[in-house]
């Protein structure tokens, strides 16, 4: 109950494509945004992908489903633009599966802080990358600790999908020293998930976005292991007491109600 799913856009249904529901089977590489065994044979340049979301009705339906305020933001189909094209004025590119994975607009404080720290645009993060950040946010809420970016970075490392494209897609993987690991994510090349790179639109805001709009390469300094304060060490220890050891299946925690509750608290605190 509370689990959200996204169906295939109407235009693809009309073309005979099957209805898509998110798979709950674990990824072959838990926490990864791309399956490393298949990555070498898969295209990794964002310029090679056009959006399947061709109509305004399809885009509006996604915004309605995920609560994007229409009085604050203007959504438009991508048309001939690629995900990493120069964006329309005051716009970011948004993937449908990122919304399903836990991205919300307006951007919640922890998610906003993470994008700003790494210096990447929202569309540079794979859906499973969003899923890991949303899962961490929910676990923090359930454990009663603030969603600290430093603590998240202590457990997880931002990694590039393709070394050939420095301004490309990124995902999170568990650090070798981490005792907090996530599973329960769709395999990036499963039938239900493989089209995520083709399902995006552009979202404009009357106010400046609190993150990069154009695709960038993260700085090396943003990737180093953080030094935690005493309080942050206590938060990390509390998370490990509750969820350390065995891998955490995010399917059990990423419900609509859990995510809404976690975001409502952090937003009310002004994070």
C-alpha atoms as a PDB file:
ATOM      1  CA  UNK A   1       0.000   0.000   0.000  1.00  0.00           C
ATOM      2  CA  UNK A   2       1.254   3.480  -0.791  1.00  0.00           C
ATOM      3  CA  UNK A   3       3.690   2.246  -3.464  1.00  0.00           C
ATOM      4  CA  UNK A   4       3.549   4.485  -6.515  1.00  0.00           C
ATOM      5  CA  UNK A   5       3.900   3.297 -10.099  1.00  0.00           C
ATOM      6  CA  UNK A   6       4.128   5.056 -13.432  1.00  0.00           C
ATOM      7  CA  UNK A   7       2.474   3.696 -16.549  1.00  0.00           C
ATOM      8  CA  UNK A   8       3.910   3.966 -20.014  1.00  0.00           C
ATOM      9  CA  UNK A   9       3.003   7.275 -21.739  1.00  0.00           C
ATOM     10  CA  UNK A  10      -0.163   7.195 -23.774  1.00  0.00           C
ATOM     11  CA  UNK A  11       1.624   7.687 -27.061  1.00  0.00           C
ATOM     12  CA  UNK A  12       3.686   4.543 -26.523  1.00  0.00           C
ATOM     13  CA  UNK A  13       0.618   2.555 -25.514  1.00  0.00           C
ATOM     14  CA  UNK A  14      -1.048   3.614 -28.734  1.00  0.00           C
ATOM     15  CA  UNK A  15       1.988   2.331 -30.602  1.00  0.00           C
ATOM     16  CA  UNK A  16       1.505  -1.082 -29.019  1.00  0.00           C
ATOM     17  CA  UNK A  17       4.138  -0.834 -26.257  1.00  0.00           C
ATOM     18  CA  UNK A  18       3.205  -2.776 -23.088  1.00  0.00           C
ATOM     19  CA  UNK A  19       2.115  -0.972 -19.957  1.00  0.00           C
ATOM     20  CA  UNK A  20       5.116  -0.464 -17.669  1.00  0.00           C
ATOM     21  CA  UNK A  21       5.114  -0.925 -13.921  1.00  0.00           C
ATOM     22  CA  UNK A  22       8.254  -0.534 -11.867  1.00  0.00           C
ATOM     23  CA  UNK A  23       9.997  -3.804 -11.129  1.00  0.00           C
ATOM     24  CA  UNK A  24      10.838  -4.526  -7.503  1.00  0.00           C
ATOM     25  CA  UNK A  25      13.508  -7.086  -8.261  1.00  0.00           C
ATOM     26  CA  UNK A  26      16.957  -6.206  -6.884  1.00  0.00           C
ATOM     27  CA  UNK A  27      19.596  -4.819  -9.187  1.00  0.00           C
ATOM     28  CA  UNK A  28      22.524  -7.029 -10.056  1.00  0.00           C
ATOM     29  CA  UNK A  29      24.649  -4.278  -8.538  1.00  0.00           C
ATOM     30  CA  UNK A  30      22.736  -2.958  -5.510  1.00  0.00           C
ATOM     31  CA  UNK A  31      22.887   0.812  -5.339  1.00  0.00           C
ATOM     32  CA  UNK A  32      24.193   1.225  -8.868  1.00  0.00           C
ATOM     33  CA  UNK A  33      22.575   3.320 -11.547  1.00  0.00           C
ATOM     34  CA  UNK A  34      23.958   1.076 -14.264  1.00  0.00           C
ATOM     35  CA  UNK A  35      24.757  -2.622 -14.507  1.00  0.00           C
ATOM     36  CA  UNK A  36      28.519  -2.760 -14.993  1.00  0.00           C
ATOM     37  CA  UNK A  37      28.417  -6.035 -16.916  1.00  0.00           C
ATOM     38  CA  UNK A  38      26.184  -4.516 -19.590  1.00  0.00           C
ATOM     39  CA  UNK A  39      27.477  -0.947 -19.531  1.00  0.00           C
ATOM     40  CA  UNK A  40      30.167  -1.445 -22.152  1.00  0.00           C
ATOM     41  CA  UNK A  41      27.633  -2.436 -24.801  1.00  0.00           C
ATOM     42  CA  UNK A  42      25.042   0.219 -23.952  1.00  0.00           C
ATOM     43  CA  UNK A  43      25.034   3.817 -25.268  1.00  0.00           C
ATOM     44  CA  UNK A  44      26.003   6.270 -22.537  1.00  0.00           C
ATOM     45  CA  UNK A  45      25.918   9.612 -24.376  1.00  0.00           C
ATOM     46  CA  UNK A  46      22.785  11.603 -23.418  1.00  0.00           C
ATOM     47  CA  UNK A  47      22.765  13.178 -26.900  1.00  0.00           C
ATOM     48  CA  UNK A  48      21.654   9.838 -28.330  1.00  0.00           C
ATOM     49  CA  UNK A  49      18.256   9.857 -26.620  1.00  0.00           C
ATOM     50  CA  UNK A  50      15.048  11.663 -27.577  1.00  0.00           C
ATOM     51  CA  UNK A  51      12.069  11.813 -25.247  1.00  0.00           C
ATOM     52  CA  UNK A  52       9.074   9.510 -25.683  1.00  0.00           C
ATOM     53  CA  UNK A  53       6.932  12.093 -23.833  1.00  0.00           C
ATOM     54  CA  UNK A  54       5.665  13.980 -26.881  1.00  0.00           C
ATOM     55  CA  UNK A  55       2.432  15.607 -25.716  1.00  0.00           C
ATOM     56  CA  UNK A  56       1.512  18.186 -23.100  1.00  0.00           C
ATOM     57  CA  UNK A  57      -1.142  15.832 -21.702  1.00  0.00           C
ATOM     58  CA  UNK A  58       1.494  13.176 -20.935  1.00  0.00           C
ATOM     59  CA  UNK A  59       3.702  15.687 -19.153  1.00  0.00           C
ATOM     60  CA  UNK A  60       0.778  17.194 -17.225  1.00  0.00           C
ATOM     61  CA  UNK A  61      -0.320  13.722 -16.082  1.00  0.00           C
ATOM     62  CA  UNK A  62       3.126  13.037 -14.615  1.00  0.00           C
ATOM     63  CA  UNK A  63       3.166  16.380 -12.811  1.00  0.00           C
ATOM     64  CA  UNK A  64      -0.308  15.698 -11.390  1.00  0.00           C
ATOM     65  CA  UNK A  65       0.694  12.222 -10.235  1.00  0.00           C
ATOM     66  CA  UNK A  66       3.751  13.471  -8.360  1.00  0.00           C
ATOM     67  CA  UNK A  67       2.311  16.694  -7.009  1.00  0.00           C
ATOM     68  CA  UNK A  68       4.316  19.242  -8.994  1.00  0.00           C
ATOM     69  CA  UNK A  69       2.591  22.573  -8.170  1.00  0.00           C
ATOM     70  CA  UNK A  70       1.190  23.996 -11.416  1.00  0.00           C
ATOM     71  CA  UNK A  71       0.966  27.468  -9.908  1.00  0.00           C
ATOM     72  CA  UNK A  72       4.751  27.473  -9.363  1.00  0.00           C
ATOM     73  CA  UNK A  73       6.194  25.495 -12.268  1.00  0.00           C
ATOM     74  CA  UNK A  74       5.592  25.173 -16.001  1.00  0.00           C
ATOM     75  CA  UNK A  75       6.147  21.753 -17.576  1.00  0.00           C
ATOM     76  CA  UNK A  76       6.756  21.293 -21.295  1.00  0.00           C
ATOM     77  CA  UNK A  77       7.592  18.304 -23.528  1.00  0.00           C
ATOM     78  CA  UNK A  78      11.235  18.155 -24.565  1.00  0.00           C
ATOM     79  CA  UNK A  79      10.478  18.154 -28.279  1.00  0.00           C
ATOM     80  CA  UNK A  80      13.745  17.878 -30.185  1.00  0.00           C
ATOM     81  CA  UNK A  81      15.896  18.689 -27.141  1.00  0.00           C
ATOM     82  CA  UNK A  82      18.057  16.029 -25.501  1.00  0.00           C
ATOM     83  CA  UNK A  83      18.291  15.686 -21.748  1.00  0.00           C
ATOM     84  CA  UNK A  84      21.652  17.477 -21.697  1.00  0.00           C
ATOM     85  CA  UNK A  85      20.715  20.183 -24.196  1.00  0.00           C
ATOM     86  CA  UNK A  86      20.930  23.816 -23.158  1.00  0.00           C
ATOM     87  CA  UNK A  87      17.752  24.184 -21.162  1.00  0.00           C
ATOM     88  CA  UNK A  88      14.923  26.625 -21.803  1.00  0.00           C
ATOM     89  CA  UNK A  89      15.030  29.717 -19.535  1.00  0.00           C
ATOM     90  CA  UNK A  90      14.949  28.819 -15.816  1.00  0.00           C
ATOM     91  CA  UNK A  91      14.297  25.157 -16.635  1.00  0.00           C
ATOM     92  CA  UNK A  92      15.684  21.788 -15.590  1.00  0.00           C
ATOM     93  CA  UNK A  93      15.302  18.416 -17.264  1.00  0.00           C
ATOM     94  CA  UNK A  94      13.267  15.901 -15.232  1.00  0.00           C
ATOM     95  CA  UNK A  95      13.061  12.131 -15.785  1.00  0.00           C
ATOM     96  CA  UNK A  96       9.721  10.439 -15.176  1.00  0.00           C
ATOM     97  CA  UNK A  97      11.473   7.590 -13.383  1.00  0.00           C
ATOM     98  CA  UNK A  98      13.340  10.037 -11.145  1.00  0.00           C
ATOM     99  CA  UNK A  99       9.951  11.242  -9.900  1.00  0.00           C
ATOM    100  CA  UNK A 100       8.890   7.643  -9.332  1.00  0.00           C
ATOM    101  CA  UNK A 101      12.136   6.973  -7.476  1.00  0.00           C
ATOM    102  CA  UNK A 102      11.641   9.821  -4.989  1.00  0.00           C
ATOM    103  CA  UNK A 103      12.520  13.147  -6.596  1.00  0.00           C
ATOM    104  CA  UNK A 104       9.968  15.798  -5.635  1.00  0.00           C
ATOM    105  CA  UNK A 105       9.454  19.393  -6.687  1.00  0.00           C
ATOM    106  CA  UNK A 106      10.039  21.745  -4.952  1.00  0.00           C
ATOM    107  CA  UNK A 107      13.300  20.006  -4.143  1.00  0.00           C
ATOM    108  CA  UNK A 108      13.506  18.885  -0.513  1.00  0.00           C
ATOM    109  CA  UNK A 109      16.373  20.296   1.571  1.00  0.00           C
ATOM    110  CA  UNK A 110      18.626  17.215   1.701  1.00  0.00           C
ATOM    111  CA  UNK A 111      18.160  16.518  -2.025  1.00  0.00           C
ATOM    112  CA  UNK A 112      18.806  20.180  -2.817  1.00  0.00           C
ATOM    113  CA  UNK A 113      21.955  20.196  -0.685  1.00  0.00           C
ATOM    114  CA  UNK A 114      23.269  17.041  -2.374  1.00  0.00           C
ATOM    115  CA  UNK A 115      22.831  18.450  -5.886  1.00  0.00           C
ATOM    116  CA  UNK A 116      24.510  21.695  -4.854  1.00  0.00           C
ATOM    117  CA  UNK A 117      27.419  19.880  -3.204  1.00  0.00           C
ATOM    118  CA  UNK A 118      28.200  17.726  -6.226  1.00  0.00           C
ATOM    119  CA  UNK A 119      27.388  20.537  -8.643  1.00  0.00           C
ATOM    120  CA  UNK A 120      25.342  18.369 -10.999  1.00  0.00           C
ATOM    121  CA  UNK A 121      21.982  18.968 -12.654  1.00  0.00           C
ATOM    122  CA  UNK A 122      19.017  16.848 -11.489  1.00  0.00           C
ATOM    123  CA  UNK A 123      18.872  14.901 -14.776  1.00  0.00           C
ATOM    124  CA  UNK A 124      22.506  13.806 -14.351  1.00  0.00           C
ATOM    125  CA  UNK A 125      21.470  11.540 -11.491  1.00  0.00           C
ATOM    126  CA  UNK A 126      20.080   8.152 -12.540  1.00  0.00           C
ATOM    127  CA  UNK A 127      16.711   7.037 -11.130  1.00  0.00           C
ATOM    128  CA  UNK A 128      18.450   4.547  -8.841  1.00  0.00           C
ATOM    129  CA  UNK A 129      20.631   7.424  -7.626  1.00  0.00           C
ATOM    130  CA  UNK A 130      17.477   9.315  -6.662  1.00  0.00           C
ATOM    131  CA  UNK A 131      16.108   6.136  -5.092  1.00  0.00           C
ATOM    132  CA  UNK A 132      19.147   5.816  -2.837  1.00  0.00           C
ATOM    133  CA  UNK A 133      18.926   9.429  -1.669  1.00  0.00           C
ATOM    134  CA  UNK A 134      15.190   9.086  -1.046  1.00  0.00           C
ATOM    135  CA  UNK A 135      15.765   5.817   0.831  1.00  0.00           C
ATOM    136  CA  UNK A 136      18.400   7.437   3.032  1.00  0.00           C
ATOM    137  CA  UNK A 137      16.009  10.322   3.732  1.00  0.00           C
ATOM    138  CA  UNK A 138      13.277   7.901   4.824  1.00  0.00           C
ATOM    139  CA  UNK A 139      15.629   5.836   7.024  1.00  0.00           C
ATOM    140  CA  UNK A 140      16.791   9.012   8.741  1.00  0.00           C
ATOM    141  CA  UNK A 141      13.174   9.983   9.375  1.00  0.00           C
ATOM    142  CA  UNK A 142      12.313   6.555  10.783  1.00  0.00           C
ATOM    143  CA  UNK A 143      15.432   6.547  12.963  1.00  0.00           C
ATOM    144  CA  UNK A 144      14.916  10.065  14.236  1.00  0.00           C
ATOM    145  CA  UNK A 145      18.174  11.582  12.952  1.00  0.00           C
ATOM    146  CA  UNK A 146      18.631  14.577  10.631  1.00  0.00           C
ATOM    147  CA  UNK A 147      19.334  13.665   6.979  1.00  0.00           C
ATOM    148  CA  UNK A 148      22.971  14.750   6.969  1.00  0.00           C
ATOM    149  CA  UNK A 149      24.720  14.961   3.604  1.00  0.00           C
ATOM    150  CA  UNK A 150      28.056  14.294   5.294  1.00  0.00           C
ATOM    151  CA  UNK A 151      26.691  11.067   6.808  1.00  0.00           C
ATOM    152  CA  UNK A 152      25.233  10.040   3.450  1.00  0.00           C
ATOM    153  CA  UNK A 153      28.613  10.655   1.812  1.00  0.00           C
ATOM    154  CA  UNK A 154      30.279   8.606   4.558  1.00  0.00           C
ATOM    155  CA  UNK A 155      28.249   5.603   3.368  1.00  0.00           C
ATOM    156  CA  UNK A 156      27.914   6.272  -0.380  1.00  0.00           C
ATOM    157  CA  UNK A 157      30.124   7.548  -3.190  1.00  0.00           C
ATOM    158  CA  UNK A 158      29.007   9.374  -6.345  1.00  0.00           C
ATOM    159  CA  UNK A 159      30.268   7.503  -9.405  1.00  0.00           C
ATOM    160  CA  UNK A 160      30.264   8.178 -13.140  1.00  0.00           C
ATOM    161  CA  UNK A 161      28.261   5.873 -15.414  1.00  0.00           C
ATOM    162  CA  UNK A 162      30.767   6.384 -18.228  1.00  0.00           C
ATOM    163  CA  UNK A 163      34.336   7.622 -17.939  1.00  0.00           C
ATOM    164  CA  UNK A 164      34.032   8.896 -21.527  1.00  0.00           C
ATOM    165  CA  UNK A 165      31.372  11.455 -20.608  1.00  0.00           C
ATOM    166  CA  UNK A 166      32.457  13.486 -17.583  1.00  0.00           C
ATOM    167  CA  UNK A 167      29.341  15.644 -17.874  1.00  0.00           C
ATOM    168  CA  UNK A 168      27.114  12.594 -18.119  1.00  0.00           C
ATOM    169  CA  UNK A 169      25.031  10.435 -15.787  1.00  0.00           C
ATOM    170  CA  UNK A 170      26.016   9.617 -12.207  1.00  0.00           C
ATOM    171  CA  UNK A 171      24.881   7.103  -9.602  1.00  0.00           C
ATOM    172  CA  UNK A 172      25.737   6.199  -6.010  1.00  0.00           C
ATOM    173  CA  UNK A 173      27.530   3.088  -4.827  1.00  0.00           C
ATOM    174  CA  UNK A 174      28.375   1.937  -1.328  1.00  0.00           C
ATOM    175  CA  UNK A 175      31.870   2.805  -0.202  1.00  0.00           C
ATOM    176  CA  UNK A 176      34.076  -0.218   0.409  1.00  0.00           C
ATOM    177  CA  UNK A 177      34.183   0.662   4.102  1.00  0.00           C
ATOM    178  CA  UNK A 178      30.422   1.178   4.392  1.00  0.00           C
ATOM    179  CA  UNK A 179      28.249  -1.017   6.610  1.00  0.00           C
ATOM    180  CA  UNK A 180      25.058   0.517   5.183  1.00  0.00           C
ATOM    181  CA  UNK A 181      24.010  -1.006   1.857  1.00  0.00           C
ATOM    182  CA  UNK A 182      20.828  -0.795  -0.196  1.00  0.00           C
ATOM    183  CA  UNK A 183      19.110  -3.325  -2.427  1.00  0.00           C
ATOM    184  CA  UNK A 184      15.617  -3.713  -3.907  1.00  0.00           C
ATOM    185  CA  UNK A 185      16.228  -1.455  -6.903  1.00  0.00           C
ATOM    186  CA  UNK A 186      15.117  -2.166 -10.470  1.00  0.00           C
ATOM    187  CA  UNK A 187      17.782  -3.593 -12.721  1.00  0.00           C
ATOM    188  CA  UNK A 188      18.785  -0.704 -15.017  1.00  0.00           C
ATOM    189  CA  UNK A 189      18.279  -2.782 -18.166  1.00  0.00           C
ATOM    190  CA  UNK A 190      15.180  -4.725 -17.187  1.00  0.00           C
ATOM    191  CA  UNK A 191      12.209  -4.462 -19.568  1.00  0.00           C
ATOM    192  CA  UNK A 192      10.272  -2.323 -17.102  1.00  0.00           C
ATOM    193  CA  UNK A 193      13.154   0.101 -16.543  1.00  0.00           C
ATOM    194  CA  UNK A 194      15.236   0.282 -19.703  1.00  0.00           C
ATOM    195  CA  UNK A 195      13.398   3.244 -21.260  1.00  0.00           C
ATOM    196  CA  UNK A 196      14.085   5.718 -18.438  1.00  0.00           C
ATOM    197  CA  UNK A 197      16.553   7.684 -20.594  1.00  0.00           C
ATOM    198  CA  UNK A 198      13.738   8.279 -23.108  1.00  0.00           C
ATOM    199  CA  UNK A 199      11.164   9.625 -20.641  1.00  0.00           C
ATOM    200  CA  UNK A 200      11.962  13.228 -19.723  1.00  0.00           C
ATOM    201  CA  UNK A 201      10.542  16.723 -19.956  1.00  0.00           C
ATOM    202  CA  UNK A 202      11.553  20.250 -18.986  1.00  0.00           C
ATOM    203  CA  UNK A 203      10.272  22.085 -15.925  1.00  0.00           C
ATOM    204  CA  UNK A 204      10.523  25.884 -15.645  1.00  0.00           C
ATOM    205  CA  UNK A 205      10.426  27.925 -12.451  1.00  0.00           C
ATOM    206  CA  UNK A 206       9.807  31.665 -12.025  1.00  0.00           C
ATOM    207  CA  UNK A 207      12.536  31.633  -9.348  1.00  0.00           C
ATOM    208  CA  UNK A 208      16.160  30.482  -9.768  1.00  0.00           C
ATOM    209  CA  UNK A 209      16.657  26.759  -9.200  1.00  0.00           C
ATOM    210  CA  UNK A 210      18.769  25.867  -6.118  1.00  0.00           C
ATOM    211  CA  UNK A 211      20.904  23.569  -8.275  1.00  0.00           C
ATOM    212  CA  UNK A 212      22.736  23.479 -11.589  1.00  0.00           C
ATOM    213  CA  UNK A 213      20.541  23.538 -14.692  1.00  0.00           C
ATOM    214  CA  UNK A 214      23.258  22.716 -17.221  1.00  0.00           C
ATOM    215  CA  UNK A 215      25.143  19.410 -17.048  1.00  0.00           C
ATOM    216  CA  UNK A 216      28.503  19.609 -15.281  1.00  0.00           C
ATOM    217  CA  UNK A 217      31.381  17.509 -14.033  1.00  0.00           C
ATOM    218  CA  UNK A 218      31.542  17.196 -10.214  1.00  0.00           C
ATOM    219  CA  UNK A 219      34.653  18.596  -8.581  1.00  0.00           C
ATOM    220  CA  UNK A 220      37.141  16.086  -7.183  1.00  0.00           C
ATOM    221  CA  UNK A 221      36.839  17.708  -3.761  1.00  0.00           C
ATOM    222  CA  UNK A 222      33.105  16.865  -3.657  1.00  0.00           C
ATOM    223  CA  UNK A 223      33.900  13.134  -3.856  1.00  0.00           C
ATOM    224  CA  UNK A 224      36.353  12.768  -0.977  1.00  0.00           C
ATOM    225  CA  UNK A 225      35.425  10.912   2.207  1.00  0.00           C
ATOM    226  CA  UNK A 226      33.922  13.494   4.593  1.00  0.00           C
ATOM    227  CA  UNK A 227      35.237  14.099   8.101  1.00  0.00           C
ATOM    228  CA  UNK A 228      32.248  13.828  10.448  1.00  0.00           C
ATOM    229  CA  UNK A 229      31.666  15.939  13.512  1.00  0.00           C
ATOM    230  CA  UNK A 230      31.000  14.252  16.832  1.00  0.00           C
ATOM    231  CA  UNK A 231      27.260  14.732  16.375  1.00  0.00           C
ATOM    232  CA  UNK A 232      27.369  13.376  12.829  1.00  0.00           C
ATOM    233  CA  UNK A 233      29.244  10.311  14.085  1.00  0.00           C
ATOM    234  CA  UNK A 234      26.429   9.738  16.563  1.00  0.00           C
ATOM    235  CA  UNK A 235      23.851   9.964  13.773  1.00  0.00           C
ATOM    236  CA  UNK A 236      25.808   7.521  11.622  1.00  0.00           C
ATOM    237  CA  UNK A 237      26.118   5.100  14.539  1.00  0.00           C
ATOM    238  CA  UNK A 238      22.375   5.278  15.200  1.00  0.00           C
ATOM    239  CA  UNK A 239      21.616   4.487  11.558  1.00  0.00           C
ATOM    240  CA  UNK A 240      24.006   1.538  11.639  1.00  0.00           C
ATOM    241  CA  UNK A 241      22.450   0.156  14.823  1.00  0.00           C
ATOM    242  CA  UNK A 242      19.074   0.192  13.101  1.00  0.00           C
ATOM    243  CA  UNK A 243      20.009  -0.767   9.543  1.00  0.00           C
ATOM    244  CA  UNK A 244      23.657  -1.831   9.400  1.00  0.00           C
ATOM    245  CA  UNK A 245      24.843  -5.311   8.485  1.00  0.00           C
ATOM    246  CA  UNK A 246      22.388  -6.930   6.069  1.00  0.00           C
ATOM    247  CA  UNK A 247      21.475  -4.954   2.953  1.00  0.00           C
ATOM    248  CA  UNK A 248      18.362  -2.784   3.338  1.00  0.00           C
ATOM    249  CA  UNK A 249      15.605  -3.574   0.836  1.00  0.00           C
ATOM    250  CA  UNK A 250      14.308  -0.136  -0.119  1.00  0.00           C
ATOM    251  CA  UNK A 251      11.024  -1.626  -1.361  1.00  0.00           C
ATOM    252  CA  UNK A 252      10.046  -2.058   2.269  1.00  0.00           C
ATOM    253  CA  UNK A 253      10.623   1.616   3.110  1.00  0.00           C
ATOM    254  CA  UNK A 254      10.055   3.754   0.014  1.00  0.00           C
ATOM    255  CA  UNK A 255       6.298   4.069   0.318  1.00  0.00           C
ATOM    256  CA  UNK A 256       4.482   7.237  -0.624  1.00  0.00           C
ATOM    257  CA  UNK A 257       3.511   7.876   3.003  1.00  0.00           C
ATOM    258  CA  UNK A 258       7.058   7.397   4.351  1.00  0.00           C
ATOM    259  CA  UNK A 259       8.538   9.669   1.717  1.00  0.00           C
ATOM    260  CA  UNK A 260       5.912  12.375   2.229  1.00  0.00           C
ATOM    261  CA  UNK A 261       6.409  12.297   6.000  1.00  0.00           C
ATOM    262  CA  UNK A 262      10.198  12.504   5.722  1.00  0.00           C
ATOM    263  CA  UNK A 263      10.073  15.406   3.288  1.00  0.00           C
ATOM    264  CA  UNK A 264       7.432  17.287   5.270  1.00  0.00           C
ATOM    265  CA  UNK A 265       9.605  17.256   8.379  1.00  0.00           C
ATOM    266  CA  UNK A 266      12.826  18.358   6.709  1.00  0.00           C
ATOM    267  CA  UNK A 267      11.016  21.027   4.701  1.00  0.00           C
ATOM    268  CA  UNK A 268       9.331  22.412   7.819  1.00  0.00           C
ATOM    269  CA  UNK A 269      12.754  22.738   9.442  1.00  0.00           C
ATOM    270  CA  UNK A 270      13.973  24.766   6.487  1.00  0.00           C
ATOM    271  CA  UNK A 271      16.736  22.337   5.505  1.00  0.00           C
END
